[in-house]
Amino acid sequence: MAHVSCLSGRPFGLTSTSRLSKESDLHGNVFNWDYFKNAEYDDTAHNDIGLAKISTLVDAVRSQIAADRRAPKPLMLDAGDTIQGTPLAYYFAKIQPITGGHLHPMAAAMNEIGYDAAALGNHEFNYGLDRAAAIPAGEVSVRDVAGLYIFDNTLIAVTMTGAQVKDYLEFSARYFKQVSGPGPFPSDQVTNAPTPTAPSGTPDYNYDIMGGLAKPMAYKIDIAKPAGSRITDLQCGGVPVTADQQFVVAVNNYRQSGGGNFPHVKTAPVVYNRQVEIHQLMIDYVTTTGEVNPNTFHATDWSLTANGAPVVINP
């Protein structure tokens, strides 16, 4: 999302008037386009994004100011989070890096508009959250695979004990509202439970699950019990997990850096961190195997129960 505003001010000790236009959070958007849907961008508030839209607004502001011959030329500033967030930005960061004096396309567009300066935002250094999607049947494109995981999070592996894994899953299980029986329930009566840190409801991206790679992992979440004591029958390879058992847990860099405030993961020893984006690993996998077979990934790792009985949730 890009935000544009016009400000005027009077610096201390000066009598001149300055005018300032600024925007932020371009996130690699030149046009008002959703690269993953391959369609015009739209959201629930029907906002527009991108430098092309900003250019129109800037021209209008400059024309308005130019009508006053006494007004100084306005400054146009970018407040950061500019070069991350779209396949365009990813391409010029990883596939064809901007080195040797090449001009980044975002910078080229900003020069065309006439920006005076730009600041660095946090996403010039690190990246954010996850989003789930689906791959259509038939031929699969890079866009399809990248659309499963649109952010530039990297893969990290840390070591955790069995007790820490259980704590992690208990924290994640706060996502569910407490129930008195097995239902059936509509999903909104079970999910997005309010917590002290999320009074409006726990967001979907703060619900994590775990599954095994070397051996299958399985557990149950008893949502008739209060948060903090819901994880039951936690097993790895069909054997109950012990408190001192050692696990290598794969997470993204957002979660490992403390995003979501999950326990233990931020301070856990890191055993893998090659700074490779997860969506690039997914693209590499599909390119190597030549297919996406749901049977390869399908597993029933966890289930919801209420006092031991399976919970029924209607779509």
C-alpha atoms as a PDB file:
ATOM      1  CA  MET A   1       0.000   0.000   0.000  1.00  0.00           C
ATOM      2  CA  ALA A   2       1.374   3.450  -0.839  1.00  0.00           C
ATOM      3  CA  HIS A   3       0.375   6.473   1.158  1.00  0.00           C
ATOM      4  CA  VAL A   4       0.718   9.979  -0.270  1.00  0.00           C
ATOM      5  CA  SER A   5       0.408  13.150   1.763  1.00  0.00           C
ATOM      6  CA  CYS A   6       1.200  16.835   1.341  1.00  0.00           C
ATOM      7  CA  LEU A   7       2.666  18.841   4.172  1.00  0.00           C
ATOM      8  CA  SER A   8       3.694  22.451   4.542  1.00  0.00           C
ATOM      9  CA  GLY A   9       5.816  23.924   7.279  1.00  0.00           C
ATOM     10  CA  ARG A  10       7.926  26.858   8.451  1.00  0.00           C
ATOM     11  CA  PRO A  11      11.444  25.906   9.646  1.00  0.00           C
ATOM     12  CA  PHE A  12      12.725  27.550  12.817  1.00  0.00           C
ATOM     13  CA  GLY A  13      14.463  30.865  12.127  1.00  0.00           C
ATOM     14  CA  LEU A  14      13.342  30.994   8.494  1.00  0.00           C
ATOM     15  CA  THR A  15      10.561  32.906   6.829  1.00  0.00           C
ATOM     16  CA  SER A  16      10.188  30.711   3.750  1.00  0.00           C
ATOM     17  CA  THR A  17       7.479  28.110   3.377  1.00  0.00           C
ATOM     18  CA  SER A  18       8.280  24.556   2.289  1.00  0.00           C
ATOM     19  CA  ARG A  19       5.988  21.934   0.831  1.00  0.00           C
ATOM     20  CA  LEU A  20       6.550  18.198   1.064  1.00  0.00           C
ATOM     21  CA  SER A  21       4.872  15.215  -0.619  1.00  0.00           C
ATOM     22  CA  LYS A  22       5.758  11.761   0.693  1.00  0.00           C
ATOM     23  CA  GLU A  23       4.697   8.164   0.264  1.00  0.00           C
ATOM     24  CA  SER A  24       5.653   4.854   1.816  1.00  0.00           C
ATOM     25  CA  ASP A  25       5.277   1.088   1.427  1.00  0.00           C
ATOM     26  CA  LEU A  26       5.471   0.760  -2.349  1.00  0.00           C
ATOM     27  CA  HIS A  27       6.656  -2.850  -1.958  1.00  0.00           C
ATOM     28  CA  GLY A  28       7.882  -3.254  -5.506  1.00  0.00           C
ATOM     29  CA  ASN A  29       4.675  -2.093  -7.170  1.00  0.00           C
ATOM     30  CA  VAL A  30       5.048  -0.023 -10.325  1.00  0.00           C
ATOM     31  CA  PHE A  31       1.533  -0.637 -11.593  1.00  0.00           C
ATOM     32  CA  ASN A  32      -1.822  -1.228  -9.895  1.00  0.00           C
ATOM     33  CA  TRP A  33      -1.451  -4.940 -10.556  1.00  0.00           C
ATOM     34  CA  ASP A  34      -1.589  -8.158  -8.518  1.00  0.00           C
ATOM     35  CA  TYR A  35       1.227 -10.226  -9.985  1.00  0.00           C
ATOM     36  CA  PHE A  36       0.082 -13.414  -8.267  1.00  0.00           C
ATOM     37  CA  LYS A  37      -3.533 -13.216  -9.436  1.00  0.00           C
ATOM     38  CA  ASN A  38      -2.446 -11.742 -12.782  1.00  0.00           C
ATOM     39  CA  ALA A  39      -5.220  -9.193 -12.460  1.00  0.00           C
ATOM     40  CA  GLU A  40      -5.776  -5.588 -11.442  1.00  0.00           C
ATOM     41  CA  TYR A  41      -5.076  -5.080  -7.743  1.00  0.00           C
ATOM     42  CA  ASP A  42      -8.076  -4.792  -5.443  1.00  0.00           C
ATOM     43  CA  ASP A  43      -8.752  -5.154  -1.738  1.00  0.00           C
ATOM     44  CA  THR A  44     -11.783  -4.822   0.527  1.00  0.00           C
ATOM     45  CA  ALA A  45     -11.304  -1.038   0.712  1.00  0.00           C
ATOM     46  CA  HIS A  46     -10.749  -0.813  -3.090  1.00  0.00           C
ATOM     47  CA  ASN A  47      -7.376   0.870  -2.642  1.00  0.00           C
ATOM     48  CA  ASP A  48      -5.015   1.401  -5.555  1.00  0.00           C
ATOM     49  CA  ILE A  49      -1.268   0.829  -5.400  1.00  0.00           C
ATOM     50  CA  GLY A  50       1.869   1.527  -7.386  1.00  0.00           C
ATOM     51  CA  LEU A  51       4.000   4.306  -8.777  1.00  0.00           C
ATOM     52  CA  ALA A  52       1.786   4.793 -11.840  1.00  0.00           C
ATOM     53  CA  LYS A  53      -1.099   5.814  -9.561  1.00  0.00           C
ATOM     54  CA  ILE A  54       1.200   7.944  -7.432  1.00  0.00           C
ATOM     55  CA  SER A  55       2.464   9.733 -10.540  1.00  0.00           C
ATOM     56  CA  THR A  56      -1.079  10.904 -11.282  1.00  0.00           C
ATOM     57  CA  LEU A  57      -1.498  12.252  -7.746  1.00  0.00           C
ATOM     58  CA  VAL A  58       1.898  13.954  -7.781  1.00  0.00           C
ATOM     59  CA  ASP A  59       1.135  15.676 -11.088  1.00  0.00           C
ATOM     60  CA  ALA A  60      -2.129  16.991  -9.650  1.00  0.00           C
ATOM     61  CA  VAL A  61      -0.414  18.325  -6.523  1.00  0.00           C
ATOM     62  CA  ARG A  62       2.358  19.979  -8.536  1.00  0.00           C
ATOM     63  CA  SER A  63      -0.147  21.618 -10.868  1.00  0.00           C
ATOM     64  CA  GLN A  64      -2.052  22.994  -7.903  1.00  0.00           C
ATOM     65  CA  ILE A  65       1.103  24.389  -6.318  1.00  0.00           C
ATOM     66  CA  ALA A  66       2.392  25.777  -9.636  1.00  0.00           C
ATOM     67  CA  ALA A  67      -0.700  27.987  -9.843  1.00  0.00           C
ATOM     68  CA  ASP A  68       0.784  29.993  -6.984  1.00  0.00           C
ATOM     69  CA  ARG A  69       3.900  31.606  -8.444  1.00  0.00           C
ATOM     70  CA  ARG A  70       5.168  32.500  -4.986  1.00  0.00           C
ATOM     71  CA  ALA A  71       5.143  28.876  -3.830  1.00  0.00           C
ATOM     72  CA  PRO A  72       8.478  27.011  -3.818  1.00  0.00           C
ATOM     73  CA  LYS A  73       8.905  23.773  -5.742  1.00  0.00           C
ATOM     74  CA  PRO A  74       7.565  20.887  -3.595  1.00  0.00           C
ATOM     75  CA  LEU A  75       9.823  18.052  -2.464  1.00  0.00           C
ATOM     76  CA  MET A  76       8.839  14.446  -3.241  1.00  0.00           C
ATOM     77  CA  LEU A  77      10.096  11.817  -0.788  1.00  0.00           C
ATOM     78  CA  ASP A  78       9.844   8.038  -0.461  1.00  0.00           C
ATOM     79  CA  ALA A  79       9.687   6.788   3.154  1.00  0.00           C
ATOM     80  CA  GLY A  80      10.893   3.232   2.517  1.00  0.00           C
ATOM     81  CA  ASP A  81       9.792  -0.379   1.994  1.00  0.00           C
ATOM     82  CA  THR A  82      10.282   0.105  -1.740  1.00  0.00           C
ATOM     83  CA  ILE A  83      12.228  -2.785  -3.281  1.00  0.00           C
ATOM     84  CA  GLN A  84      10.559  -5.874  -1.740  1.00  0.00           C
ATOM     85  CA  GLY A  85       7.178  -7.483  -2.213  1.00  0.00           C
ATOM     86  CA  THR A  86       6.550  -8.465  -5.861  1.00  0.00           C
ATOM     87  CA  PRO A  87       8.086 -10.891  -8.388  1.00  0.00           C
ATOM     88  CA  LEU A  88       9.520  -7.804 -10.109  1.00  0.00           C
ATOM     89  CA  ALA A  89      11.379  -6.855  -6.940  1.00  0.00           C
ATOM     90  CA  TYR A  90      12.480 -10.448  -6.337  1.00  0.00           C
ATOM     91  CA  TYR A  91      13.823 -10.798  -9.890  1.00  0.00           C
ATOM     92  CA  PHE A  92      16.072  -7.763  -9.576  1.00  0.00           C
ATOM     93  CA  ALA A  93      17.204  -8.802  -6.096  1.00  0.00           C
ATOM     94  CA  LYS A  94      17.993 -12.471  -6.764  1.00  0.00           C
ATOM     95  CA  ILE A  95      17.810 -13.418 -10.436  1.00  0.00           C
ATOM     96  CA  GLN A  96      19.396 -10.343 -12.011  1.00  0.00           C
ATOM     97  CA  PRO A  97      20.823  -8.384  -9.068  1.00  0.00           C
ATOM     98  CA  ILE A  98      21.293  -4.651  -9.489  1.00  0.00           C
ATOM     99  CA  THR A  99      25.090  -4.481  -9.601  1.00  0.00           C
ATOM    100  CA  GLY A 100      27.689  -2.795 -11.752  1.00  0.00           C
ATOM    101  CA  GLY A 101      25.752   0.437 -12.037  1.00  0.00           C
ATOM    102  CA  HIS A 102      22.460  -0.988 -13.339  1.00  0.00           C
ATOM    103  CA  LEU A 103      19.371   0.991 -12.392  1.00  0.00           C
ATOM    104  CA  HIS A 104      16.620  -0.701 -10.406  1.00  0.00           C
ATOM    105  CA  PRO A 105      13.245  -0.389 -12.220  1.00  0.00           C
ATOM    106  CA  MET A 106      11.663   1.105  -9.093  1.00  0.00           C
ATOM    107  CA  ALA A 107      14.386   3.768  -9.049  1.00  0.00           C
ATOM    108  CA  ALA A 108      13.921   4.390 -12.782  1.00  0.00           C
ATOM    109  CA  ALA A 109      10.194   4.963 -12.282  1.00  0.00           C
ATOM    110  CA  MET A 110      10.821   7.215  -9.282  1.00  0.00           C
ATOM    111  CA  ASN A 111      13.337   9.242 -11.298  1.00  0.00           C
ATOM    112  CA  GLU A 112      10.751   9.661 -14.046  1.00  0.00           C
ATOM    113  CA  ILE A 113       8.266  11.007 -11.496  1.00  0.00           C
ATOM    114  CA  GLY A 114      10.910  13.305 -10.060  1.00  0.00           C
ATOM    115  CA  TYR A 115      11.601  12.080  -6.531  1.00  0.00           C
ATOM    116  CA  ASP A 116      14.028  14.170  -4.507  1.00  0.00           C
ATOM    117  CA  ALA A 117      15.084  11.623  -1.869  1.00  0.00           C
ATOM    118  CA  ALA A 118      14.291   8.189  -0.431  1.00  0.00           C
ATOM    119  CA  ALA A 119      14.698   6.586   2.986  1.00  0.00           C
ATOM    120  CA  LEU A 120      15.328   2.947   3.906  1.00  0.00           C
ATOM    121  CA  GLY A 121      12.460   0.980   5.462  1.00  0.00           C
ATOM    122  CA  ASN A 122      12.596  -2.212   7.483  1.00  0.00           C
ATOM    123  CA  HIS A 123      11.713  -4.299   4.432  1.00  0.00           C
ATOM    124  CA  GLU A 124      14.875  -3.126   2.753  1.00  0.00           C
ATOM    125  CA  PHE A 125      16.523  -5.344   5.386  1.00  0.00           C
ATOM    126  CA  ASN A 126      14.073  -8.101   6.305  1.00  0.00           C
ATOM    127  CA  TYR A 127      10.775  -9.552   5.200  1.00  0.00           C
ATOM    128  CA  GLY A 128       7.317 -10.373   6.713  1.00  0.00           C
ATOM    129  CA  LEU A 129       4.350 -12.769   6.913  1.00  0.00           C
ATOM    130  CA  ASP A 130       2.927 -15.720   5.106  1.00  0.00           C
ATOM    131  CA  ARG A 131      -0.139 -16.293   2.881  1.00  0.00           C
ATOM    132  CA  ALA A 132      -1.709 -19.589   1.761  1.00  0.00           C
ATOM    133  CA  ALA A 133      -3.031 -20.246  -1.747  1.00  0.00           C
ATOM    134  CA  ALA A 134      -3.670 -23.093  -4.167  1.00  0.00           C
ATOM    135  CA  ILE A 135      -2.176 -24.417  -7.419  1.00  0.00           C
ATOM    136  CA  PRO A 136      -4.657 -25.087 -10.225  1.00  0.00           C
ATOM    137  CA  ALA A 137      -4.740 -28.479 -11.940  1.00  0.00           C
ATOM    138  CA  GLY A 138      -2.878 -28.761 -15.229  1.00  0.00           C
ATOM    139  CA  GLU A 139       0.294 -27.004 -16.308  1.00  0.00           C
ATOM    140  CA  VAL A 140       2.057 -25.182 -13.481  1.00  0.00           C
ATOM    141  CA  SER A 141       3.847 -21.863 -13.940  1.00  0.00           C
ATOM    142  CA  VAL A 142       6.429 -20.159 -11.752  1.00  0.00           C
ATOM    143  CA  ARG A 143       3.682 -17.669 -10.845  1.00  0.00           C
ATOM    144  CA  ASP A 144       1.512 -20.538  -9.574  1.00  0.00           C
ATOM    145  CA  VAL A 145       4.252 -21.867  -7.323  1.00  0.00           C
ATOM    146  CA  ALA A 146       5.390 -18.449  -6.113  1.00  0.00           C
ATOM    147  CA  GLY A 147       1.782 -17.560  -5.358  1.00  0.00           C
ATOM    148  CA  LEU A 148       1.683 -20.249  -2.677  1.00  0.00           C
ATOM    149  CA  TYR A 149       4.132 -18.225  -0.624  1.00  0.00           C
ATOM    150  CA  ILE A 150       4.341 -14.641  -1.783  1.00  0.00           C
ATOM    151  CA  PHE A 151       6.698 -13.118   0.762  1.00  0.00           C
ATOM    152  CA  ASP A 152      10.487 -13.320   0.671  1.00  0.00           C
ATOM    153  CA  ASN A 153      10.932 -15.183   3.959  1.00  0.00           C
ATOM    154  CA  THR A 154      13.962 -17.455   4.132  1.00  0.00           C
ATOM    155  CA  LEU A 155      14.192 -20.962   5.569  1.00  0.00           C
ATOM    156  CA  ILE A 156      15.867 -21.477   8.949  1.00  0.00           C
ATOM    157  CA  ALA A 157      16.247 -24.629  11.059  1.00  0.00           C
ATOM    158  CA  VAL A 158      16.674 -24.608  14.839  1.00  0.00           C
ATOM    159  CA  THR A 159      17.006 -27.319  17.469  1.00  0.00           C
ATOM    160  CA  MET A 160      14.335 -27.715  20.140  1.00  0.00           C
ATOM    161  CA  THR A 161      13.596 -30.270  22.826  1.00  0.00           C
ATOM    162  CA  GLY A 162      10.410 -32.299  23.036  1.00  0.00           C
ATOM    163  CA  ALA A 163       9.236 -30.096  25.910  1.00  0.00           C
ATOM    164  CA  GLN A 164       9.883 -26.961  23.841  1.00  0.00           C
ATOM    165  CA  VAL A 165       8.041 -28.411  20.845  1.00  0.00           C
ATOM    166  CA  LYS A 166       5.030 -29.082  23.067  1.00  0.00           C
ATOM    167  CA  ASP A 167       5.198 -25.511  24.454  1.00  0.00           C
ATOM    168  CA  TYR A 168       5.316 -24.190  20.881  1.00  0.00           C
ATOM    169  CA  LEU A 169       2.243 -26.200  19.900  1.00  0.00           C
ATOM    170  CA  GLU A 170       0.384 -25.153  23.068  1.00  0.00           C
ATOM    171  CA  PHE A 171       1.039 -21.516  22.202  1.00  0.00           C
ATOM    172  CA  SER A 172      -0.215 -22.079  18.655  1.00  0.00           C
ATOM    173  CA  ALA A 173      -3.352 -23.847  19.954  1.00  0.00           C
ATOM    174  CA  ARG A 174      -4.477 -20.578  21.579  1.00  0.00           C
ATOM    175  CA  TYR A 175      -5.865 -19.881  18.101  1.00  0.00           C
ATOM    176  CA  PHE A 176      -8.888 -22.032  18.946  1.00  0.00           C
ATOM    177  CA  LYS A 177     -11.794 -20.966  21.121  1.00  0.00           C
ATOM    178  CA  GLN A 178     -12.690 -23.217  24.030  1.00  0.00           C
ATOM    179  CA  VAL A 179     -15.753 -25.413  23.447  1.00  0.00           C
ATOM    180  CA  SER A 180     -17.849 -27.624  25.694  1.00  0.00           C
ATOM    181  CA  GLY A 181     -18.458 -30.508  23.291  1.00  0.00           C
ATOM    182  CA  PRO A 182     -17.629 -31.976  19.866  1.00  0.00           C
ATOM    183  CA  GLY A 183     -20.094 -29.865  17.890  1.00  0.00           C
ATOM    184  CA  PRO A 184     -20.839 -29.578  15.041  1.00  0.00           C
ATOM    185  CA  PHE A 185     -19.673 -25.955  14.908  1.00  0.00           C
ATOM    186  CA  PRO A 186     -19.313 -23.350  12.172  1.00  0.00           C
ATOM    187  CA  SER A 187     -15.632 -22.494  11.842  1.00  0.00           C
ATOM    188  CA  ASP A 188     -15.994 -18.964  13.255  1.00  0.00           C
ATOM    189  CA  GLN A 189     -17.172 -20.442  16.571  1.00  0.00           C
ATOM    190  CA  VAL A 190     -13.899 -22.334  16.913  1.00  0.00           C
ATOM    191  CA  THR A 191     -11.120 -20.270  15.320  1.00  0.00           C
ATOM    192  CA  ASN A 192      -9.489 -16.842  15.807  1.00  0.00           C
ATOM    193  CA  ALA A 193      -9.817 -16.808  19.596  1.00  0.00           C
ATOM    194  CA  PRO A 194      -9.128 -13.447  21.295  1.00  0.00           C
ATOM    195  CA  THR A 195      -6.030 -13.334  23.505  1.00  0.00           C
ATOM    196  CA  PRO A 196      -4.422 -10.576  25.621  1.00  0.00           C
ATOM    197  CA  THR A 197      -2.048  -9.807  22.724  1.00  0.00           C
ATOM    198  CA  ALA A 198      -4.741 -10.187  20.025  1.00  0.00           C
ATOM    199  CA  PRO A 199      -7.977  -8.887  21.602  1.00  0.00           C
ATOM    200  CA  SER A 200      -9.731  -8.768  18.227  1.00  0.00           C
ATOM    201  CA  GLY A 201      -8.901 -12.400  17.528  1.00  0.00           C
ATOM    202  CA  THR A 202      -5.762 -14.418  16.766  1.00  0.00           C
ATOM    203  CA  PRO A 203      -4.896 -13.980  13.065  1.00  0.00           C
ATOM    204  CA  ASP A 204      -4.647 -17.066  10.879  1.00  0.00           C
ATOM    205  CA  TYR A 205      -0.937 -16.508  10.228  1.00  0.00           C
ATOM    206  CA  ASN A 206      -0.244 -16.979  13.933  1.00  0.00           C
ATOM    207  CA  TYR A 207      -1.508 -20.545  13.877  1.00  0.00           C
ATOM    208  CA  ASP A 208       1.355 -22.984  13.228  1.00  0.00           C
ATOM    209  CA  ILE A 209       1.237 -26.760  12.881  1.00  0.00           C
ATOM    210  CA  MET A 210       4.074 -29.295  12.904  1.00  0.00           C
ATOM    211  CA  GLY A 211       4.652 -32.405  10.827  1.00  0.00           C
ATOM    212  CA  GLY A 212       7.505 -34.864  10.587  1.00  0.00           C
ATOM    213  CA  LEU A 213       9.929 -35.368   7.696  1.00  0.00           C
ATOM    214  CA  ALA A 214      12.254 -38.182   8.780  1.00  0.00           C
ATOM    215  CA  LYS A 215       9.406 -39.716  10.801  1.00  0.00           C
ATOM    216  CA  PRO A 216       5.722 -38.798  10.963  1.00  0.00           C
ATOM    217  CA  MET A 217       4.689 -36.523  13.840  1.00  0.00           C
ATOM    218  CA  ALA A 218       1.125 -36.533  15.158  1.00  0.00           C
ATOM    219  CA  TYR A 219      -0.801 -34.887  17.979  1.00  0.00           C
ATOM    220  CA  LYS A 220      -4.290 -33.909  19.068  1.00  0.00           C
ATOM    221  CA  ILE A 221      -5.601 -30.541  20.230  1.00  0.00           C
ATOM    222  CA  ASP A 222      -8.300 -30.842  22.884  1.00  0.00           C
ATOM    223  CA  ILE A 223     -10.145 -27.532  22.615  1.00  0.00           C
ATOM    224  CA  ALA A 224     -12.500 -28.392  25.468  1.00  0.00           C
ATOM    225  CA  LYS A 225      -9.480 -27.750  27.691  1.00  0.00           C
ATOM    226  CA  PRO A 226      -8.179 -24.249  28.479  1.00  0.00           C
ATOM    227  CA  ALA A 227      -5.344 -22.773  26.429  1.00  0.00           C
ATOM    228  CA  GLY A 228      -1.997 -24.026  27.649  1.00  0.00           C
ATOM    229  CA  SER A 229      -3.084 -27.625  28.336  1.00  0.00           C
ATOM    230  CA  ARG A 230      -4.522 -28.776  25.019  1.00  0.00           C
ATOM    231  CA  ILE A 231      -1.817 -30.825  23.288  1.00  0.00           C
ATOM    232  CA  THR A 232      -2.310 -34.574  23.792  1.00  0.00           C
ATOM    233  CA  ASP A 233      -0.890 -37.762  22.265  1.00  0.00           C
ATOM    234  CA  LEU A 234       2.189 -35.986  20.875  1.00  0.00           C
ATOM    235  CA  GLN A 235       4.118 -38.684  18.986  1.00  0.00           C
ATOM    236  CA  CYS A 236       7.008 -38.997  16.579  1.00  0.00           C
ATOM    237  CA  GLY A 237       7.251 -42.182  14.544  1.00  0.00           C
ATOM    238  CA  GLY A 238       4.412 -43.671  16.554  1.00  0.00           C
ATOM    239  CA  VAL A 239       6.299 -43.240  19.848  1.00  0.00           C
ATOM    240  CA  PRO A 240       5.398 -40.662  22.535  1.00  0.00           C
ATOM    241  CA  VAL A 241       7.670 -37.615  22.473  1.00  0.00           C
ATOM    242  CA  THR A 242       9.832 -37.270  25.578  1.00  0.00           C
ATOM    243  CA  ALA A 243      10.689 -33.937  27.203  1.00  0.00           C
ATOM    244  CA  ASP A 244      14.419 -34.206  26.479  1.00  0.00           C
ATOM    245  CA  GLN A 245      14.091 -35.530  22.932  1.00  0.00           C
ATOM    246  CA  GLN A 246      15.923 -33.435  20.325  1.00  0.00           C
ATOM    247  CA  PHE A 247      14.275 -32.101  17.163  1.00  0.00           C
ATOM    248  CA  VAL A 248      15.383 -29.979  14.227  1.00  0.00           C
ATOM    249  CA  VAL A 249      12.487 -27.602  13.500  1.00  0.00           C
ATOM    250  CA  ALA A 250      12.175 -25.756  10.165  1.00  0.00           C
ATOM    251  CA  VAL A 251      10.661 -22.264  10.388  1.00  0.00           C
ATOM    252  CA  ASN A 252      10.800 -19.063   8.381  1.00  0.00           C
ATOM    253  CA  ASN A 253      13.001 -16.154   9.378  1.00  0.00           C
ATOM    254  CA  TYR A 254       9.984 -14.104  10.475  1.00  0.00           C
ATOM    255  CA  ARG A 255       9.008 -16.691  13.059  1.00  0.00           C
ATOM    256  CA  GLN A 256      12.605 -17.331  14.122  1.00  0.00           C
ATOM    257  CA  SER A 257      13.214 -13.608  14.653  1.00  0.00           C
ATOM    258  CA  GLY A 258      10.327 -13.447  17.127  1.00  0.00           C
ATOM    259  CA  GLY A 259       7.338 -12.771  14.858  1.00  0.00           C
ATOM    260  CA  GLY A 260       4.191 -13.906  16.654  1.00  0.00           C
ATOM    261  CA  ASN A 261       6.074 -14.242  19.980  1.00  0.00           C
ATOM    262  CA  PHE A 262       6.167 -18.038  19.828  1.00  0.00           C
ATOM    263  CA  PRO A 263       8.179 -19.535  22.705  1.00  0.00           C
ATOM    264  CA  HIS A 264      11.768 -20.848  22.472  1.00  0.00           C
ATOM    265  CA  VAL A 265      12.251 -20.452  18.721  1.00  0.00           C
ATOM    266  CA  LYS A 266      13.990 -17.060  18.886  1.00  0.00           C
ATOM    267  CA  THR A 267      16.675 -18.288  21.294  1.00  0.00           C
ATOM    268  CA  ALA A 268      16.989 -21.844  19.938  1.00  0.00           C
ATOM    269  CA  PRO A 269      20.340 -22.833  18.365  1.00  0.00           C
ATOM    270  CA  VAL A 270      20.328 -22.267  14.597  1.00  0.00           C
ATOM    271  CA  VAL A 271      21.629 -25.211  12.555  1.00  0.00           C
ATOM    272  CA  TYR A 272      20.606 -24.075   9.056  1.00  0.00           C
ATOM    273  CA  ASN A 273      20.451 -20.576   7.580  1.00  0.00           C
ATOM    274  CA  ARG A 274      21.542 -20.306   3.948  1.00  0.00           C
ATOM    275  CA  GLN A 275      19.468 -17.179   3.295  1.00  0.00           C
ATOM    276  CA  VAL A 276      17.430 -18.915   0.579  1.00  0.00           C
ATOM    277  CA  GLU A 277      13.853 -17.743   0.073  1.00  0.00           C
ATOM    278  CA  ILE A 278      11.202 -20.374   0.721  1.00  0.00           C
ATOM    279  CA  HIS A 279       9.322 -19.656  -2.500  1.00  0.00           C
ATOM    280  CA  GLN A 280      12.566 -20.108  -4.437  1.00  0.00           C
ATOM    281  CA  LEU A 281      13.095 -23.495  -2.774  1.00  0.00           C
ATOM    282  CA  MET A 282       9.554 -24.420  -3.802  1.00  0.00           C
ATOM    283  CA  ILE A 283      10.193 -23.312  -7.392  1.00  0.00           C
ATOM    284  CA  ASP A 284      13.458 -25.289  -7.435  1.00  0.00           C
ATOM    285  CA  TYR A 285      11.659 -28.382  -6.142  1.00  0.00           C
ATOM    286  CA  VAL A 286       8.929 -28.238  -8.789  1.00  0.00           C
ATOM    287  CA  THR A 287      11.486 -27.549 -11.507  1.00  0.00           C
ATOM    288  CA  THR A 288      13.507 -30.582 -10.411  1.00  0.00           C
ATOM    289  CA  THR A 289      10.602 -33.022  -9.948  1.00  0.00           C
ATOM    290  CA  GLY A 290       8.510 -31.734 -12.826  1.00  0.00           C
ATOM    291  CA  GLU A 291       5.205 -32.066 -10.972  1.00  0.00           C
ATOM    292  CA  VAL A 292       3.205 -31.158  -7.882  1.00  0.00           C
ATOM    293  CA  ASN A 293       1.622 -34.364  -6.570  1.00  0.00           C
ATOM    294  CA  PRO A 294      -0.735 -33.826  -3.599  1.00  0.00           C
ATOM    295  CA  ASN A 295      -0.166 -37.423  -2.479  1.00  0.00           C
ATOM    296  CA  THR A 296       3.471 -36.583  -1.806  1.00  0.00           C
ATOM    297  CA  PHE A 297       2.522 -34.010   0.807  1.00  0.00           C
ATOM    298  CA  HIS A 298      -0.810 -35.168   2.180  1.00  0.00           C
ATOM    299  CA  ALA A 299      -0.664 -36.268   5.805  1.00  0.00           C
ATOM    300  CA  THR A 300      -2.977 -36.162   8.811  1.00  0.00           C
ATOM    301  CA  ASP A 301      -0.613 -34.787  11.443  1.00  0.00           C
ATOM    302  CA  TRP A 302      -3.107 -33.295  13.894  1.00  0.00           C
ATOM    303  CA  SER A 303      -6.778 -33.229  14.761  1.00  0.00           C
ATOM    304  CA  LEU A 304      -9.192 -31.374  17.035  1.00  0.00           C
ATOM    305  CA  THR A 305     -10.904 -33.130  19.906  1.00  0.00           C
ATOM    306  CA  ALA A 306     -13.201 -32.185  22.792  1.00  0.00           C
ATOM    307  CA  ASN A 307     -12.629 -34.338  25.881  1.00  0.00           C
ATOM    308  CA  GLY A 308     -11.262 -37.010  23.581  1.00  0.00           C
ATOM    309  CA  ALA A 309     -14.107 -36.975  21.015  1.00  0.00           C
ATOM    310  CA  PRO A 310     -13.427 -35.728  17.452  1.00  0.00           C
ATOM    311  CA  VAL A 311     -14.657 -32.186  16.868  1.00  0.00           C
ATOM    312  CA  VAL A 312     -16.912 -31.648  13.839  1.00  0.00           C
ATOM    313  CA  ILE A 313     -16.599 -28.314  11.993  1.00  0.00           C
ATOM    314  CA  ASN A 314     -18.937 -27.423   9.163  1.00  0.00           C
ATOM    315  CA  PRO A 315     -17.507 -25.376   6.268  1.00  0.00           C
END
